[in-house]
Every structure is written in C-alpha cells, then in structure tokens.
Amino acid sequence: MEITYKAVGINETAEWGDYDHLMQKWEGLGKSMAKNLIREMRDNKDFQKYVFNPTHKLVFINYEGFKSFIEWKTRNRFK
C-alpha cells in the first residue's frame, strides 16, 4: 500500500511524510541514518509526538519536529 500526499490548495504544503519524502527534503540523508534518527526521536519523550506509526510498516514524520530534533541533537552533541 502506498499513500501519497496531494495538496488540496495551491499554497498548502505537506507537514508530515515518510522516510522517502524526508530524504528528499534533507538531501544527503540516507534511509538507514533516517531510521536511526527516527528511532532516537521515538525514544525521546520530547520528540516522540512527531513520529506516528499507525502500522508496523507505515510511518509519518513531522518535518518541523524532525528539524527541531536535529537542532537539539546538534546542541547536545558533546554533553
């Protein structure tokens, strides 16, 4: 089963996507790295609200939440 987001309005943009769309937004991000980062987001109580898994194969990732997680991870890299 493949779910494709289609904007309803001209100015509407997607806020959620799967691994493939996340990798398109973040060039250079590979699928294995994306999965590792999403696993870390799921394990962190501050960021788990940005990842939905309605089934074991289907995942929805909030793009702004992912960006916030990357910024947080960068700030806390050496702590």
PDB file of N, CA and C in Angstrom:
ATOM      1  N   MET A   1       0.844  -1.171   0.000  1.00  0.00           N
ATOM      2  CA  MET A   1       0.000   0.000   0.000  1.00  0.00           C
ATOM      3  C   MET A   1       0.892   1.238   0.000  1.00  0.00           C
ATOM      4  N   GLU A   2       0.617   2.164  -0.886  1.00  0.00           N
ATOM      5  CA  GLU A   2       1.379   3.403  -0.964  1.00  0.00           C
ATOM      6  C   GLU A   2       0.431   4.570  -0.749  1.00  0.00           C
ATOM      7  N   ILE A   3       0.791   5.459   0.165  1.00  0.00           N
ATOM      8  CA  ILE A   3      -0.011   6.642   0.446  1.00  0.00           C
ATOM      9  C   ILE A   3       0.746   7.844  -0.077  1.00  0.00           C
ATOM     10  N   THR A   4       0.097   8.651  -0.879  1.00  0.00           N
ATOM     11  CA  THR A   4       0.721   9.836  -1.456  1.00  0.00           C
ATOM     12  C   THR A   4      -0.036  11.065  -0.990  1.00  0.00           C
ATOM     13  N   TYR A   5       0.706  12.055  -0.492  1.00  0.00           N
ATOM     14  CA  TYR A   5       0.090  13.308  -0.081  1.00  0.00           C
ATOM     15  C   TYR A   5      -0.113  14.178  -1.302  1.00  0.00           C
ATOM     16  N   LYS A   6      -1.308  14.712  -1.444  1.00  0.00           N
ATOM     17  CA  LYS A   6      -1.596  15.666  -2.514  1.00  0.00           C
ATOM     18  C   LYS A   6      -2.182  16.919  -1.876  1.00  0.00           C
ATOM     19  N   ALA A   7      -1.574  18.041  -2.187  1.00  0.00           N
ATOM     20  CA  ALA A   7      -2.050  19.306  -1.629  1.00  0.00           C
ATOM     21  C   ALA A   7      -3.443  19.626  -2.147  1.00  0.00           C
ATOM     22  N   VAL A   8      -4.281  20.132  -1.244  1.00  0.00           N
ATOM     23  CA  VAL A   8      -5.645  20.494  -1.620  1.00  0.00           C
ATOM     24  C   VAL A   8      -5.671  21.895  -2.206  1.00  0.00           C
ATOM     25  N   GLY A   9      -4.947  22.803  -1.584  1.00  0.00           N
ATOM     26  CA  GLY A   9      -4.888  24.179  -2.060  1.00  0.00           C
ATOM     27  C   GLY A   9      -3.542  24.480  -2.703  1.00  0.00           C
ATOM     28  N   ILE A  10      -3.465  25.596  -3.380  1.00  0.00           N
ATOM     29  CA  ILE A  10      -2.233  25.978  -4.076  1.00  0.00           C
ATOM     30  C   ILE A  10      -1.092  26.228  -3.088  1.00  0.00           C
ATOM     31  N   ASN A  11      -1.386  26.893  -1.979  1.00  0.00           N
ATOM     32  CA  ASN A  11      -0.346  27.263  -1.024  1.00  0.00           C
ATOM     33  C   ASN A  11      -0.129  26.218   0.063  1.00  0.00           C
ATOM     34  N   GLU A  12      -0.839  25.123  -0.001  1.00  0.00           N
ATOM     35  CA  GLU A  12      -0.719  24.111   1.034  1.00  0.00           C
ATOM     36  C   GLU A  12       0.532  23.260   0.809  1.00  0.00           C
ATOM     37  N   THR A  13       1.271  23.004   1.873  1.00  0.00           N
ATOM     38  CA  THR A  13       2.441  22.136   1.790  1.00  0.00           C
ATOM     39  C   THR A  13       2.302  21.018   2.817  1.00  0.00           C
ATOM     40  N   ALA A  14       2.954  19.918   2.560  1.00  0.00           N
ATOM     41  CA  ALA A  14       2.893  18.769   3.463  1.00  0.00           C
ATOM     42  C   ALA A  14       3.668  19.065   4.739  1.00  0.00           C
ATOM     43  N   GLU A  15       3.118  18.661   5.875  1.00  0.00           N
ATOM     44  CA  GLU A  15       3.791  18.798   7.160  1.00  0.00           C
ATOM     45  C   GLU A  15       4.332  17.462   7.644  1.00  0.00           C
ATOM     46  N   TRP A  16       3.808  16.365   7.105  1.00  0.00           N
ATOM     47  CA  TRP A  16       4.182  15.017   7.505  1.00  0.00           C
ATOM     48  C   TRP A  16       4.583  14.221   6.274  1.00  0.00           C
ATOM     49  N   GLY A  17       5.461  13.242   6.453  1.00  0.00           N
ATOM     50  CA  GLY A  17       5.845  12.379   5.346  1.00  0.00           C
ATOM     51  C   GLY A  17       6.507  11.110   5.844  1.00  0.00           C
ATOM     52  N   ASP A  18       6.859  10.247   4.918  1.00  0.00           N
ATOM     53  CA  ASP A  18       7.536   9.000   5.260  1.00  0.00           C
ATOM     54  C   ASP A  18       9.043   9.177   5.078  1.00  0.00           C
ATOM     55  N   TYR A  19       9.781   8.067   5.196  1.00  0.00           N
ATOM     56  CA  TYR A  19      11.242   8.138   5.079  1.00  0.00           C
ATOM     57  C   TYR A  19      11.681   8.698   3.732  1.00  0.00           C
ATOM     58  N   ASP A  20      11.034   8.245   2.655  1.00  0.00           N
ATOM     59  CA  ASP A  20      11.444   8.687   1.316  1.00  0.00           C
ATOM     60  C   ASP A  20      11.271  10.190   1.135  1.00  0.00           C
ATOM     61  N   HIS A  21      10.165  10.729   1.609  1.00  0.00           N
ATOM     62  CA  HIS A  21       9.935  12.173   1.474  1.00  0.00           C
ATOM     63  C   HIS A  21      10.844  12.969   2.409  1.00  0.00           C
ATOM     64  N   LEU A  22      11.138  12.410   3.570  1.00  0.00           N
ATOM     65  CA  LEU A  22      12.075  13.063   4.482  1.00  0.00           C
ATOM     66  C   LEU A  22      13.460  13.150   3.837  1.00  0.00           C
ATOM     67  N   MET A  23      13.867  12.084   3.154  1.00  0.00           N
ATOM     68  CA  MET A  23      15.174  12.086   2.485  1.00  0.00           C
ATOM     69  C   MET A  23      15.203  13.062   1.314  1.00  0.00           C
ATOM     70  N   GLN A  24      14.055  13.303   0.682  1.00  0.00           N
ATOM     71  CA  GLN A  24      14.003  14.296  -0.394  1.00  0.00           C
ATOM     72  C   GLN A  24      14.167  15.705   0.165  1.00  0.00           C
ATOM     73  N   LYS A  25      13.571  15.961   1.330  1.00  0.00           N
ATOM     74  CA  LYS A  25      13.687  17.283   1.952  1.00  0.00           C
ATOM     75  C   LYS A  25      15.098  17.527   2.493  1.00  0.00           C
ATOM     76  N   TRP A  26      15.720  16.489   3.018  1.00  0.00           N
ATOM     77  CA  TRP A  26      17.053  16.582   3.608  1.00  0.00           C
ATOM     78  C   TRP A  26      18.021  15.827   2.701  1.00  0.00           C
ATOM     79  N   GLU A  27      18.545  16.497   1.690  1.00  0.00           N
ATOM     80  CA  GLU A  27      19.467  15.864   0.739  1.00  0.00           C
ATOM     81  C   GLU A  27      20.684  15.307   1.463  1.00  0.00           C
ATOM     82  N   GLY A  28      21.105  14.134   1.063  1.00  0.00           N
ATOM     83  CA  GLY A  28      22.266  13.500   1.666  1.00  0.00           C
ATOM     84  C   GLY A  28      21.922  12.584   2.821  1.00  0.00           C
ATOM     85  N   LEU A  29      20.691  12.624   3.279  1.00  0.00           N
ATOM     86  CA  LEU A  29      20.250  11.755   4.367  1.00  0.00           C
ATOM     87  C   LEU A  29      19.871  10.401   3.781  1.00  0.00           C
ATOM     88  N   GLY A  30      20.565   9.363   4.214  1.00  0.00           N
ATOM     89  CA  GLY A  30      20.274   8.015   3.729  1.00  0.00           C
ATOM     90  C   GLY A  30      19.163   7.373   4.544  1.00  0.00           C
ATOM     91  N   LYS A  31      18.613   6.298   4.020  1.00  0.00           N
ATOM     92  CA  LYS A  31      17.489   5.644   4.688  1.00  0.00           C
ATOM     93  C   LYS A  31      17.893   5.047   6.038  1.00  0.00           C
ATOM     94  N   SER A  32      19.069   4.438   6.120  1.00  0.00           N
ATOM     95  CA  SER A  32      19.477   3.842   7.396  1.00  0.00           C
ATOM     96  C   SER A  32      19.713   4.923   8.452  1.00  0.00           C
ATOM     97  N   MET A  33      20.306   6.043   8.061  1.00  0.00           N
ATOM     98  CA  MET A  33      20.505   7.145   9.007  1.00  0.00           C
ATOM     99  C   MET A  33      19.164   7.737   9.421  1.00  0.00           C
ATOM    100  N   ALA A  34      18.242   7.894   8.471  1.00  0.00           N
ATOM    101  CA  ALA A  34      16.908   8.415   8.789  1.00  0.00           C
ATOM    102  C   ALA A  34      16.210   7.507   9.793  1.00  0.00           C
ATOM    103  N   LYS A  35      16.288   6.200   9.586  1.00  0.00           N
ATOM    104  CA  LYS A  35      15.649   5.252  10.508  1.00  0.00           C
ATOM    105  C   LYS A  35      16.273   5.324  11.895  1.00  0.00           C
ATOM    106  N   ASN A  36      17.595   5.473  11.962  1.00  0.00           N
ATOM    107  CA  ASN A  36      18.265   5.599  13.259  1.00  0.00           C
ATOM    108  C   ASN A  36      17.832   6.868  13.986  1.00  0.00           C
ATOM    109  N   LEU A  37      17.752   7.977  13.253  1.00  0.00           N
ATOM    110  CA  LEU A  37      17.334   9.238  13.873  1.00  0.00           C
ATOM    111  C   LEU A  37      15.884   9.171  14.340  1.00  0.00           C
ATOM    112  N   ILE A  38      15.016   8.554  13.539  1.00  0.00           N
ATOM    113  CA  ILE A  38      13.609   8.427  13.927  1.00  0.00           C
ATOM    114  C   ILE A  38      13.484   7.526  15.148  1.00  0.00           C
ATOM    115  N   ARG A  39      14.302   6.485  15.235  1.00  0.00           N
ATOM    116  CA  ARG A  39      14.293   5.620  16.419  1.00  0.00           C
ATOM    117  C   ARG A  39      14.677   6.427  17.659  1.00  0.00           C
ATOM    118  N   GLU A  40      15.679   7.294  17.525  1.00  0.00           N
ATOM    119  CA  GLU A  40      16.075   8.159  18.638  1.00  0.00           C
ATOM    120  C   GLU A  40      14.942   9.107  19.017  1.00  0.00           C
ATOM    121  N   MET A  41      14.232   9.635  18.007  1.00  0.00           N
ATOM    122  CA  MET A  41      13.095  10.522  18.289  1.00  0.00           C
ATOM    123  C   MET A  41      12.017   9.775  19.066  1.00  0.00           C
ATOM    124  N   ARG A  42      11.726   8.528  18.676  1.00  0.00           N
ATOM    125  CA  ARG A  42      10.710   7.728  19.370  1.00  0.00           C
ATOM    126  C   ARG A  42      11.092   7.479  20.822  1.00  0.00           C
ATOM    127  N   ASP A  43      12.391   7.327  21.087  1.00  0.00           N
ATOM    128  CA  ASP A  43      12.872   7.031  22.436  1.00  0.00           C
ATOM    129  C   ASP A  43      12.956   8.268  23.321  1.00  0.00           C
ATOM    130  N   ASN A  44      12.881   9.450  22.733  1.00  0.00           N
ATOM    131  CA  ASN A  44      12.972  10.704  23.482  1.00  0.00           C
ATOM    132  C   ASN A  44      11.564  11.244  23.720  1.00  0.00           C
ATOM    133  N   LYS A  45      11.178  11.388  24.992  1.00  0.00           N
ATOM    134  CA  LYS A  45       9.798  11.798  25.303  1.00  0.00           C
ATOM    135  C   LYS A  45       9.441  13.184  24.772  1.00  0.00           C
ATOM    136  N   ASP A  46      10.435  14.034  24.529  1.00  0.00           N
ATOM    137  CA  ASP A  46      10.164  15.370  23.999  1.00  0.00           C
ATOM    138  C   ASP A  46       9.864  15.360  22.501  1.00  0.00           C
ATOM    139  N   PHE A  47      10.295  14.325  21.798  1.00  0.00           N
ATOM    140  CA  PHE A  47      10.154  14.300  20.343  1.00  0.00           C
ATOM    141  C   PHE A  47       9.293  13.159  19.820  1.00  0.00           C
ATOM    142  N   GLN A  48       8.838  12.253  20.682  1.00  0.00           N
ATOM    143  CA  GLN A  48       8.072  11.108  20.196  1.00  0.00           C
ATOM    144  C   GLN A  48       6.719  11.499  19.622  1.00  0.00           C
ATOM    145  N   LYS A  49       6.235  12.689  19.952  1.00  0.00           N
ATOM    146  CA  LYS A  49       4.948  13.141  19.405  1.00  0.00           C
ATOM    147  C   LYS A  49       5.041  13.508  17.920  1.00  0.00           C
ATOM    148  N   TYR A  50       6.255  13.572  17.388  1.00  0.00           N
ATOM    149  CA  TYR A  50       6.450  13.924  15.980  1.00  0.00           C
ATOM    150  C   TYR A  50       6.573  12.705  15.066  1.00  0.00           C
ATOM    151  N   VAL A  51       6.409  11.512  15.625  1.00  0.00           N
ATOM    152  CA  VAL A  51       6.503  10.273  14.845  1.00  0.00           C
ATOM    153  C   VAL A  51       5.269   9.426  15.126  1.00  0.00           C
ATOM    154  N   PHE A  52       4.515   9.091  14.084  1.00  0.00           N
ATOM    155  CA  PHE A  52       3.346   8.219  14.206  1.00  0.00           C
ATOM    156  C   PHE A  52       3.584   6.944  13.420  1.00  0.00           C
ATOM    157  N   ASN A  53       3.264   5.820  14.031  1.00  0.00           N
ATOM    158  CA  ASN A  53       3.332   4.519  13.366  1.00  0.00           C
ATOM    159  C   ASN A  53       1.969   3.842  13.467  1.00  0.00           C
ATOM    160  N   PRO A  54       1.044   4.144  12.541  1.00  0.00           N
ATOM    161  CA  PRO A  54      -0.269   3.500  12.597  1.00  0.00           C
ATOM    162  C   PRO A  54      -0.195   1.988  12.368  1.00  0.00           C
ATOM    163  N   THR A  55       0.791   1.525  11.593  1.00  0.00           N
ATOM    164  CA  THR A  55       1.043   0.097  11.405  1.00  0.00           C
ATOM    165  C   THR A  55       2.542  -0.127  11.546  1.00  0.00           C
ATOM    166  N   HIS A  56       2.964  -1.382  11.536  1.00  0.00           N
ATOM    167  CA  HIS A  56       4.397  -1.645  11.702  1.00  0.00           C
ATOM    168  C   HIS A  56       5.209  -1.254  10.471  1.00  0.00           C
ATOM    169  N   LYS A  57       4.572  -1.046   9.319  1.00  0.00           N
ATOM    170  CA  LYS A  57       5.295  -0.638   8.109  1.00  0.00           C
ATOM    171  C   LYS A  57       5.089   0.828   7.743  1.00  0.00           C
ATOM    172  N   LEU A  58       4.052   1.440   8.248  1.00  0.00           N
ATOM    173  CA  LEU A  58       3.702   2.806   7.868  1.00  0.00           C
ATOM    174  C   LEU A  58       4.174   3.787   8.936  1.00  0.00           C
ATOM    175  N   VAL A  59       4.885   4.829   8.511  1.00  0.00           N
ATOM    176  CA  VAL A  59       5.387   5.833   9.445  1.00  0.00           C
ATOM    177  C   VAL A  59       5.092   7.225   8.894  1.00  0.00           C
ATOM    178  N   PHE A  60       4.715   8.132   9.788  1.00  0.00           N
ATOM    179  CA  PHE A  60       4.530   9.542   9.449  1.00  0.00           C
ATOM    180  C   PHE A  60       5.453  10.352  10.345  1.00  0.00           C
ATOM    181  N   ILE A  61       6.272  11.198   9.728  1.00  0.00           N
ATOM    182  CA  ILE A  61       7.249  12.011  10.439  1.00  0.00           C
ATOM    183  C   ILE A  61       6.919  13.471  10.194  1.00  0.00           C
ATOM    184  N   ASN A  62       6.834  14.248  11.267  1.00  0.00           N
ATOM    185  CA  ASN A  62       6.585  15.679  11.152  1.00  0.00           C
ATOM    186  C   ASN A  62       7.900  16.367  10.803  1.00  0.00           C
ATOM    187  N   TYR A  63       7.892  17.130   9.706  1.00  0.00           N
ATOM    188  CA  TYR A  63       9.123  17.756   9.221  1.00  0.00           C
ATOM    189  C   TYR A  63       9.675  18.789  10.202  1.00  0.00           C
ATOM    190  N   GLU A  64       8.817  19.601  10.792  1.00  0.00           N
ATOM    191  CA  GLU A  64       9.289  20.609  11.754  1.00  0.00           C
ATOM    192  C   GLU A  64       9.818  19.937  13.017  1.00  0.00           C
ATOM    193  N   GLY A  65       9.154  18.876  13.446  1.00  0.00           N
ATOM    194  CA  GLY A  65       9.625  18.123  14.606  1.00  0.00           C
ATOM    195  C   GLY A  65      10.985  17.495  14.350  1.00  0.00           C
ATOM    196  N   PHE A  66      11.188  16.989  13.132  1.00  0.00           N
ATOM    197  CA  PHE A  66      12.477  16.409  12.766  1.00  0.00           C
ATOM    198  C   PHE A  66      13.560  17.484  12.772  1.00  0.00           C
ATOM    199  N   LYS A  67      13.238  18.650  12.237  1.00  0.00           N
ATOM    200  CA  LYS A  67      14.202  19.761  12.227  1.00  0.00           C
ATOM    201  C   LYS A  67      14.557  20.162  13.659  1.00  0.00           C
ATOM    202  N   SER A  68      13.560  20.251  14.529  1.00  0.00           N
ATOM    203  CA  SER A  68      13.809  20.587  15.934  1.00  0.00           C
ATOM    204  C   SER A  68      14.691  19.537  16.600  1.00  0.00           C
ATOM    205  N   PHE A  69      14.447  18.267  16.282  1.00  0.00           N
ATOM    206  CA  PHE A  69      15.254  17.186  16.847  1.00  0.00           C
ATOM    207  C   PHE A  69      16.705  17.300  16.393  1.00  0.00           C
ATOM    208  N   ILE A  70      16.925  17.586  15.120  1.00  0.00           N
ATOM    209  CA  ILE A  70      18.292  17.730  14.598  1.00  0.00           C
ATOM    210  C   ILE A  70      18.989  18.914  15.267  1.00  0.00           C
ATOM    211  N   GLU A  71      18.265  20.023  15.445  1.00  0.00           N
ATOM    212  CA  GLU A  71      18.851  21.185  16.126  1.00  0.00           C
ATOM    213  C   GLU A  71      19.194  20.840  17.570  1.00  0.00           C
ATOM    214  N   TRP A  72      18.294  20.136  18.267  1.00  0.00           N
ATOM    215  CA  TRP A  72      18.535  19.726  19.649  1.00  0.00           C
ATOM    216  C   TRP A  72      19.738  18.784  19.720  1.00  0.00           C
ATOM    217  N   LYS A  73      19.790  17.842  18.797  1.00  0.00           N
ATOM    218  CA  LYS A  73      20.885  16.866  18.772  1.00  0.00           C
ATOM    219  C   LYS A  73      22.222  17.570  18.515  1.00  0.00           C
ATOM    220  N   THR A  74      22.227  18.578  17.663  1.00  0.00           N
ATOM    221  CA  THR A  74      23.445  19.339  17.378  1.00  0.00           C
ATOM    222  C   THR A  74      23.909  20.103  18.619  1.00  0.00           C
ATOM    223  N   ARG A  75      22.968  20.737  19.320  1.00  0.00           N
ATOM    224  CA  ARG A  75      23.318  21.491  20.533  1.00  0.00           C
ATOM    225  C   ARG A  75      23.849  20.583  21.638  1.00  0.00           C
ATOM    226  N   ASN A  76      23.349  19.364  21.724  1.00  0.00           N
ATOM    227  CA  ASN A  76      23.699  18.455  22.821  1.00  0.00           C
ATOM    228  C   ASN A  76      24.689  17.368  22.414  1.00  0.00           C
ATOM    229  N   ARG A  77      25.370  17.577  21.332  1.00  0.00           N
ATOM    230  CA  ARG A  77      26.262  16.551  20.787  1.00  0.00           C
ATOM    231  C   ARG A  77      27.388  16.182  21.746  1.00  0.00           C
ATOM    232  N   PHE A  78      27.993  17.149  22.414  1.00  0.00           N
ATOM    233  CA  PHE A  78      29.174  16.880  23.228  1.00  0.00           C
ATOM    234  C   PHE A  78      28.902  16.955  24.720  1.00  0.00           C
ATOM    235  N   LYS A  79      27.645  16.915  25.117  1.00  0.00           N
ATOM    236  CA  LYS A  79      27.335  16.986  26.554  1.00  0.00           C
ATOM    237  C   LYS A  79      27.421  15.637  27.193  1.00  0.00           C
TER     238      LYS A  79
END
